[in-house]
């Protein structure tokens, strides 16, 4: 896998447990908690001659926990993720909210 930043290796395993909210089932709402760990490395095809401090060159693992609200709509399943980084680097830009529209085929 090659990303636009030149990274060739990405690993992102995680655990998620879904559960009912206690709201009527007809609303299509479920909840979940998750733990993710990720790493990327392999800076191929990247000009590293301009700096000795390349972001991500060490390949350190990041750890995140959070909860999700999953909503089945007529548009498709929506997923609202709220997260907190447990382990990150000083230069990481933390993202504590994410909205995903899933497609199923």
C-alpha atoms as a PDB file:
ATOM      1  CA  UNK A   1       0.000   0.000   0.000  1.00  0.00           C
ATOM      2  CA  UNK A   2       1.353   3.434  -0.909  1.00  0.00           C
ATOM      3  CA  UNK A   3      -0.202   6.593   0.508  1.00  0.00           C
ATOM      4  CA  UNK A   4       0.095  10.090  -0.910  1.00  0.00           C
ATOM      5  CA  UNK A   5       2.688  10.854   1.776  1.00  0.00           C
ATOM      6  CA  UNK A   6       4.941   8.018   0.585  1.00  0.00           C
ATOM      7  CA  UNK A   7       4.223   5.694   3.503  1.00  0.00           C
ATOM      8  CA  UNK A   8       4.222   2.074   2.361  1.00  0.00           C
ATOM      9  CA  UNK A   9       3.098   0.221   5.494  1.00  0.00           C
ATOM     10  CA  UNK A  10       0.057   0.865   7.669  1.00  0.00           C
ATOM     11  CA  UNK A  11      -1.311  -1.287  10.480  1.00  0.00           C
ATOM     12  CA  UNK A  12      -4.512  -0.453  12.363  1.00  0.00           C
ATOM     13  CA  UNK A  13      -5.976  -3.357  14.350  1.00  0.00           C
ATOM     14  CA  UNK A  14      -8.680  -2.600  16.882  1.00  0.00           C
ATOM     15  CA  UNK A  15     -11.408  -3.950  19.111  1.00  0.00           C
ATOM     16  CA  UNK A  16     -15.034  -2.814  19.195  1.00  0.00           C
ATOM     17  CA  UNK A  17     -17.989  -3.955  21.246  1.00  0.00           C
ATOM     18  CA  UNK A  18     -21.486  -2.892  20.163  1.00  0.00           C
ATOM     19  CA  UNK A  19     -24.443  -2.737  22.537  1.00  0.00           C
ATOM     20  CA  UNK A  20     -28.079  -1.527  22.528  1.00  0.00           C
ATOM     21  CA  UNK A  21     -28.805   1.951  23.958  1.00  0.00           C
ATOM     22  CA  UNK A  22     -32.079   1.192  25.642  1.00  0.00           C
ATOM     23  CA  UNK A  23     -33.972   3.356  23.118  1.00  0.00           C
ATOM     24  CA  UNK A  24     -36.723   1.844  20.921  1.00  0.00           C
ATOM     25  CA  UNK A  25     -35.267  -0.513  18.305  1.00  0.00           C
ATOM     26  CA  UNK A  26     -37.248   1.233  15.527  1.00  0.00           C
ATOM     27  CA  UNK A  27     -34.921   4.241  15.808  1.00  0.00           C
ATOM     28  CA  UNK A  28     -32.018   2.126  14.575  1.00  0.00           C
ATOM     29  CA  UNK A  29     -29.591   3.386  17.238  1.00  0.00           C
ATOM     30  CA  UNK A  30     -26.814   1.308  18.764  1.00  0.00           C
ATOM     31  CA  UNK A  31     -23.734   2.166  20.752  1.00  0.00           C
ATOM     32  CA  UNK A  32     -20.196   0.873  20.887  1.00  0.00           C
ATOM     33  CA  UNK A  33     -16.898   1.277  22.653  1.00  0.00           C
ATOM     34  CA  UNK A  34     -13.554   0.774  20.924  1.00  0.00           C
ATOM     35  CA  UNK A  35      -9.805   0.566  21.355  1.00  0.00           C
ATOM     36  CA  UNK A  36      -7.552   1.079  18.318  1.00  0.00           C
ATOM     37  CA  UNK A  37      -3.801   0.888  17.903  1.00  0.00           C
ATOM     38  CA  UNK A  38      -2.022   1.998  14.762  1.00  0.00           C
ATOM     39  CA  UNK A  39       1.358   2.450  13.166  1.00  0.00           C
ATOM     40  CA  UNK A  40       2.744   3.487   9.794  1.00  0.00           C
ATOM     41  CA  UNK A  41       6.230   3.319   8.417  1.00  0.00           C
ATOM     42  CA  UNK A  42       8.204   2.822   5.229  1.00  0.00           C
ATOM     43  CA  UNK A  43       9.049   6.265   3.853  1.00  0.00           C
ATOM     44  CA  UNK A  44       9.821   5.239   0.287  1.00  0.00           C
ATOM     45  CA  UNK A  45       9.896   7.780  -2.552  1.00  0.00           C
ATOM     46  CA  UNK A  46      10.121  10.659  -0.049  1.00  0.00           C
ATOM     47  CA  UNK A  47      12.907  13.246  -0.161  1.00  0.00           C
ATOM     48  CA  UNK A  48      14.284  13.160   3.400  1.00  0.00           C
ATOM     49  CA  UNK A  49      17.468  15.121   2.605  1.00  0.00           C
ATOM     50  CA  UNK A  50      16.051  18.461   3.861  1.00  0.00           C
ATOM     51  CA  UNK A  51      15.512  17.371   7.468  1.00  0.00           C
ATOM     52  CA  UNK A  52      16.825  14.912  10.006  1.00  0.00           C
ATOM     53  CA  UNK A  53      13.505  15.006  11.920  1.00  0.00           C
ATOM     54  CA  UNK A  54      11.027  13.310   9.585  1.00  0.00           C
ATOM     55  CA  UNK A  55       7.532  13.001  11.046  1.00  0.00           C
ATOM     56  CA  UNK A  56       6.602   9.338  11.354  1.00  0.00           C
ATOM     57  CA  UNK A  57      10.025   7.948  10.492  1.00  0.00           C
ATOM     58  CA  UNK A  58      10.280   6.171  13.854  1.00  0.00           C
ATOM     59  CA  UNK A  59       7.098   4.160  13.298  1.00  0.00           C
ATOM     60  CA  UNK A  60       5.797   4.603  16.857  1.00  0.00           C
ATOM     61  CA  UNK A  61       2.429   3.084  17.787  1.00  0.00           C
ATOM     62  CA  UNK A  62      -0.570   5.288  18.634  1.00  0.00           C
ATOM     63  CA  UNK A  63      -3.361   4.117  20.993  1.00  0.00           C
ATOM     64  CA  UNK A  64      -6.932   5.471  21.040  1.00  0.00           C
ATOM     65  CA  UNK A  65     -10.103   4.690  23.044  1.00  0.00           C
ATOM     66  CA  UNK A  66     -13.595   5.977  22.431  1.00  0.00           C
ATOM     67  CA  UNK A  67     -17.261   5.360  21.958  1.00  0.00           C
ATOM     68  CA  UNK A  68     -19.508   5.293  18.897  1.00  0.00           C
ATOM     69  CA  UNK A  69     -23.137   5.987  18.157  1.00  0.00           C
ATOM     70  CA  UNK A  70     -24.285   3.868  15.213  1.00  0.00           C
ATOM     71  CA  UNK A  71     -27.496   4.902  13.454  1.00  0.00           C
ATOM     72  CA  UNK A  72     -29.134   2.952  10.645  1.00  0.00           C
ATOM     73  CA  UNK A  73     -30.771   5.529   8.328  1.00  0.00           C
ATOM     74  CA  UNK A  74     -32.348   5.435   4.869  1.00  0.00           C
ATOM     75  CA  UNK A  75     -29.095   6.949   3.508  1.00  0.00           C
ATOM     76  CA  UNK A  76     -27.098   4.096   5.005  1.00  0.00           C
ATOM     77  CA  UNK A  77     -25.451   3.392   8.336  1.00  0.00           C
ATOM     78  CA  UNK A  78     -24.037   6.502  10.041  1.00  0.00           C
ATOM     79  CA  UNK A  79     -21.296   6.194  12.627  1.00  0.00           C
ATOM     80  CA  UNK A  80     -20.419   9.006  15.045  1.00  0.00           C
ATOM     81  CA  UNK A  81     -17.072   8.335  16.767  1.00  0.00           C
ATOM     82  CA  UNK A  82     -15.817  10.216  19.816  1.00  0.00           C
ATOM     83  CA  UNK A  83     -12.237   9.361  20.777  1.00  0.00           C
ATOM     84  CA  UNK A  84      -9.320  10.195  23.044  1.00  0.00           C
ATOM     85  CA  UNK A  85      -5.671   9.458  22.284  1.00  0.00           C
ATOM     86  CA  UNK A  86      -3.954   7.449  25.006  1.00  0.00           C
ATOM     87  CA  UNK A  87      -0.550   7.551  23.332  1.00  0.00           C
ATOM     88  CA  UNK A  88       0.482  10.007  20.647  1.00  0.00           C
ATOM     89  CA  UNK A  89       3.499  11.993  19.499  1.00  0.00           C
ATOM     90  CA  UNK A  90       3.964  15.727  20.147  1.00  0.00           C
ATOM     91  CA  UNK A  91       3.520  16.515  16.437  1.00  0.00           C
ATOM     92  CA  UNK A  92       0.269  14.505  16.020  1.00  0.00           C
ATOM     93  CA  UNK A  93      -2.926  16.423  15.340  1.00  0.00           C
ATOM     94  CA  UNK A  94      -5.563  14.810  17.545  1.00  0.00           C
ATOM     95  CA  UNK A  95      -9.026  14.291  16.064  1.00  0.00           C
ATOM     96  CA  UNK A  96     -11.639  13.632  18.753  1.00  0.00           C
ATOM     97  CA  UNK A  97     -14.726  13.378  16.480  1.00  0.00           C
ATOM     98  CA  UNK A  98     -15.347  11.500  13.248  1.00  0.00           C
ATOM     99  CA  UNK A  99     -18.517  10.956  11.185  1.00  0.00           C
ATOM    100  CA  UNK A 100     -18.666   8.061   8.742  1.00  0.00           C
ATOM    101  CA  UNK A 101     -21.338   7.106   6.204  1.00  0.00           C
ATOM    102  CA  UNK A 102     -20.913   3.425   5.445  1.00  0.00           C
ATOM    103  CA  UNK A 103     -21.884   1.764   2.171  1.00  0.00           C
ATOM    104  CA  UNK A 104     -23.028  -1.831   2.029  1.00  0.00           C
ATOM    105  CA  UNK A 105     -23.128  -3.869  -1.136  1.00  0.00           C
END
